[in-house]
Amino acid sequence: MKLIQERQQIMIFCIASLLAVSFLMLRFFPLRKRIASVERDKAVQKAIIAKSQAQSQRLPQLEEQLTELAKSVEKYGANIPSHKGFGEFLQQMTETMNKHNLTNQLIQPRKQIESDNLNCIPVKIQCVGRLNQIFEFFKSLEVFERLIRIERVNLSNDKDFDGQLKMETEAFIYYKPDTKQGQQERLVG
């Protein structure tokens, strides 16, 4: 009888152990993993919310910057004519070079680049003069009524080293395309 009781106790202990292991393996550990995963997701969400709140506090400052940029960009639209006006540009550029006593002048347009909203003409500009004359020439370009973007400037000393510099510049001038002509071309084509 004692043997039967011991076997029953061993069986009860084995069943209890099996139930405990089953509970741990099938219920406790998966739930523990899930809880850890939810806690990580919660921490990530909190970090995202904190970042969003910090960024939303900067929103008024960014709106103010955008307004200031819009004001500063308004004048550039006025500096882009609605026609090529390349002859006027050449004349104004030549007068400016002459005003600053620059010699060996060359203003050479390249193949224009066209798009729907804005066209540009690349222009090669060359001249010879002293550094202060060239510097004053570039300062004069800033007040042109037409927007000019200087892409590249190359200054090289002459062979005699007498203070004369050869200036080569790659610039772009812009103009708005003629919308009436563009519409007619689209209708015909």
Protein backbone atom coordinates (compact mmCIF):
# COMPACT_ATOMS: atom_id res chain seq x y z
CA MET A 1 0.00 0.00 0.00
CA LYS A 2 2.80 2.24 0.78
CA LEU A 3 4.17 1.57 -2.66
CA ILE A 4 0.87 2.54 -4.28
CA GLN A 5 0.76 5.76 -2.30
CA GLU A 6 4.29 6.61 -3.32
CA ARG A 7 3.46 5.91 -6.96
CA GLN A 8 0.36 8.09 -6.69
CA GLN A 9 2.41 10.89 -5.17
CA ILE A 10 5.02 10.52 -7.91
CA MET A 11 2.24 10.55 -10.54
CA ILE A 12 0.66 13.62 -8.95
CA PHE A 13 4.07 15.28 -8.79
CA CYS A 14 4.75 14.40 -12.48
CA ILE A 15 1.34 15.68 -13.56
CA ALA A 16 1.78 18.84 -11.49
CA SER A 17 5.25 19.35 -12.99
CA LEU A 18 3.92 18.71 -16.48
CA LEU A 19 1.12 21.20 -15.90
CA ALA A 20 3.59 23.77 -14.54
CA VAL A 21 5.97 23.30 -17.48
CA SER A 22 3.05 23.43 -19.94
CA PHE A 23 1.79 26.62 -18.32
CA LEU A 24 5.25 28.17 -18.49
CA MET A 25 5.92 27.11 -22.08
CA LEU A 26 2.50 27.63 -23.60
CA ARG A 27 1.18 30.58 -21.63
CA PHE A 28 3.66 32.47 -19.44
CA PHE A 29 6.67 32.84 -21.81
CA PRO A 30 4.59 33.80 -24.90
CA LEU A 31 2.69 36.37 -22.84
CA ARG A 32 5.96 37.68 -21.40
CA LYS A 33 7.36 38.10 -24.94
CA ARG A 34 4.21 39.85 -26.05
CA ILE A 35 4.30 42.20 -23.05
CA ALA A 36 7.95 43.08 -23.83
CA SER A 37 7.05 43.71 -27.46
CA VAL A 38 4.11 45.94 -26.48
CA GLU A 39 6.35 47.86 -24.06
CA ARG A 40 8.94 48.44 -26.84
CA ASP A 41 6.20 49.60 -29.22
CA LYS A 42 4.87 51.88 -26.49
CA ALA A 43 8.35 53.40 -25.95
CA VAL A 44 8.77 53.94 -29.71
CA GLN A 45 5.34 55.58 -29.92
CA LYS A 46 6.19 57.84 -26.97
CA ALA A 47 9.42 58.88 -28.71
CA ILE A 48 7.51 59.63 -31.93
CA ILE A 49 4.92 61.66 -30.02
CA ALA A 50 7.65 63.61 -28.20
CA LYS A 51 9.42 64.32 -31.51
CA SER A 52 6.14 65.41 -33.11
CA GLN A 53 5.39 67.73 -30.20
CA ALA A 54 8.86 69.26 -30.42
CA GLN A 55 8.44 69.76 -34.17
CA SER A 56 4.96 71.22 -33.77
CA GLN A 57 6.37 73.81 -31.39
CA ARG A 58 8.72 74.90 -34.20
CA LEU A 59 5.84 75.22 -36.67
CA PRO A 60 5.12 78.94 -36.00
CA GLN A 61 8.82 79.72 -36.44
CA LEU A 62 8.91 77.78 -39.74
CA GLU A 63 5.77 79.54 -40.96
CA GLU A 64 7.41 82.88 -40.20
CA GLN A 65 10.54 81.82 -42.13
CA LEU A 66 8.38 80.71 -45.04
CA THR A 67 6.63 84.07 -45.10
CA GLU A 68 9.99 85.88 -45.08
CA LEU A 69 11.31 83.67 -47.88
CA ALA A 70 8.18 84.25 -49.93
CA LYS A 71 8.66 88.01 -49.55
CA SER A 72 12.30 87.80 -50.60
CA VAL A 73 11.48 85.60 -53.60
CA GLU A 74 8.70 87.92 -54.85
CA LYS A 75 11.19 90.36 -56.32
CA TYR A 76 12.95 87.62 -58.31
CA GLY A 77 9.82 87.00 -60.35
CA ALA A 78 9.87 90.65 -61.34
CA ASN A 79 13.49 90.24 -62.50
CA ILE A 80 12.54 87.57 -65.01
CA PRO A 81 11.10 89.23 -68.12
CA SER A 82 8.40 87.61 -70.21
CA HIS A 83 10.49 87.95 -73.37
CA LYS A 84 14.03 87.04 -74.36
CA GLY A 85 15.26 90.63 -74.57
CA PHE A 86 18.71 89.31 -75.34
CA GLY A 87 19.61 92.39 -77.39
CA GLU A 88 18.83 94.62 -74.42
CA PHE A 89 20.90 92.35 -72.19
CA LEU A 90 23.87 92.50 -74.59
CA GLN A 91 23.67 96.26 -74.76
CA GLN A 92 23.44 96.63 -70.97
CA MET A 93 26.29 94.16 -70.43
CA THR A 94 28.52 95.96 -73.00
CA GLU A 95 27.78 99.35 -71.43
CA THR A 96 28.63 97.98 -67.99
CA MET A 97 31.92 96.48 -69.23
CA ASN A 98 32.81 99.77 -70.94
CA LYS A 99 31.90 101.70 -67.78
CA HIS A 100 34.48 99.67 -65.86
CA ASN A 101 37.11 99.97 -68.65
CA LEU A 102 37.24 96.24 -69.37
CA THR A 103 38.83 95.26 -72.69
CA ASN A 104 38.79 92.25 -75.05
CA GLN A 105 35.08 91.83 -74.41
CA LEU A 106 33.24 88.74 -75.56
CA ILE A 107 29.60 87.97 -74.79
CA GLN A 108 28.59 84.75 -76.47
CA PRO A 109 25.18 83.09 -76.04
CA ARG A 110 24.96 79.32 -76.03
CA LYS A 111 22.02 77.06 -76.88
CA GLN A 112 19.03 78.10 -74.81
CA ILE A 113 17.33 75.71 -72.43
CA GLU A 114 13.54 75.70 -72.61
CA SER A 115 10.92 74.43 -70.17
CA ASP A 116 7.22 75.06 -69.57
CA ASN A 117 7.66 77.69 -66.85
CA LEU A 118 11.13 79.17 -67.31
CA ASN A 119 13.66 79.40 -70.10
CA CYS A 120 17.32 80.25 -69.76
CA ILE A 121 20.14 81.25 -72.04
CA PRO A 122 23.67 80.22 -71.04
CA VAL A 123 26.11 83.03 -71.80
CA LYS A 124 29.90 82.95 -71.96
CA ILE A 125 31.41 86.27 -70.88
CA GLN A 126 35.08 87.16 -71.27
CA CYS A 127 37.05 90.34 -70.71
CA VAL A 128 40.39 91.67 -69.51
CA GLY A 129 40.96 94.18 -66.72
CA ARG A 130 42.39 94.77 -63.29
CA LEU A 131 40.97 92.90 -60.30
CA ASN A 132 39.20 95.96 -58.88
CA GLN A 133 37.59 96.66 -62.29
CA ILE A 134 36.33 93.08 -62.53
CA PHE A 135 35.09 93.21 -58.95
CA GLU A 136 33.16 96.43 -59.67
CA PHE A 137 31.75 94.84 -62.83
CA PHE A 138 30.33 91.94 -60.79
CA LYS A 139 28.89 94.36 -58.24
CA SER A 140 27.15 96.15 -61.14
CA LEU A 141 25.56 92.87 -62.24
CA GLU A 142 23.73 92.70 -58.91
CA VAL A 143 21.64 95.75 -59.78
CA PHE A 144 20.66 94.60 -63.27
CA GLU A 145 16.91 94.54 -63.72
CA ARG A 146 17.25 91.05 -65.18
CA LEU A 147 18.11 88.05 -63.02
CA ILE A 148 21.59 86.70 -63.80
CA ARG A 149 23.05 83.60 -62.23
CA ILE A 150 26.82 83.28 -62.33
CA GLU A 151 27.70 79.61 -62.61
CA ARG A 152 31.48 79.74 -62.90
CA VAL A 153 34.21 82.41 -62.81
CA ASN A 154 37.79 81.86 -63.91
CA LEU A 155 40.43 84.56 -63.39
CA SER A 156 43.87 84.08 -64.90
CA ASN A 157 46.91 86.31 -64.83
CA ASP A 158 48.43 87.46 -68.10
CA LYS A 159 51.90 86.34 -69.16
CA ASP A 160 53.51 89.71 -68.42
CA PHE A 161 52.20 89.86 -64.83
CA ASP A 162 51.29 93.52 -65.26
CA GLY A 163 48.14 93.30 -63.12
CA GLN A 164 45.76 92.54 -65.98
CA LEU A 165 43.51 89.53 -65.44
CA LYS A 166 41.56 87.58 -68.00
CA MET A 167 38.08 86.84 -66.70
CA GLU A 168 35.96 84.01 -68.12
CA THR A 169 32.47 83.58 -66.76
CA GLU A 170 29.65 81.15 -67.41
CA ALA A 171 26.34 82.85 -66.62
CA PHE A 172 22.64 82.16 -67.14
CA ILE A 173 19.93 84.68 -67.93
CA TYR A 174 16.28 83.78 -67.58
CA TYR A 175 13.01 84.68 -69.25
CA LYS A 176 9.46 83.44 -69.05
CA PRO A 177 8.20 81.58 -72.11
CA ASP A 178 5.52 83.19 -74.22
CA THR A 179 2.44 81.27 -73.09
CA LYS A 180 0.33 82.33 -76.10
CA GLN A 181 2.91 81.03 -78.55
CA GLY A 182 3.31 77.81 -76.53
CA GLN A 183 -0.46 77.25 -76.53
CA GLN A 184 -0.67 77.80 -80.28
CA GLU A 185 2.17 75.32 -80.85
CA ARG A 186 0.36 72.73 -78.71
CA LEU A 187 -2.91 73.28 -80.58
CA VAL A 188 -1.24 72.98 -84.00
CA GLY A 189 0.92 69.97 -82.99
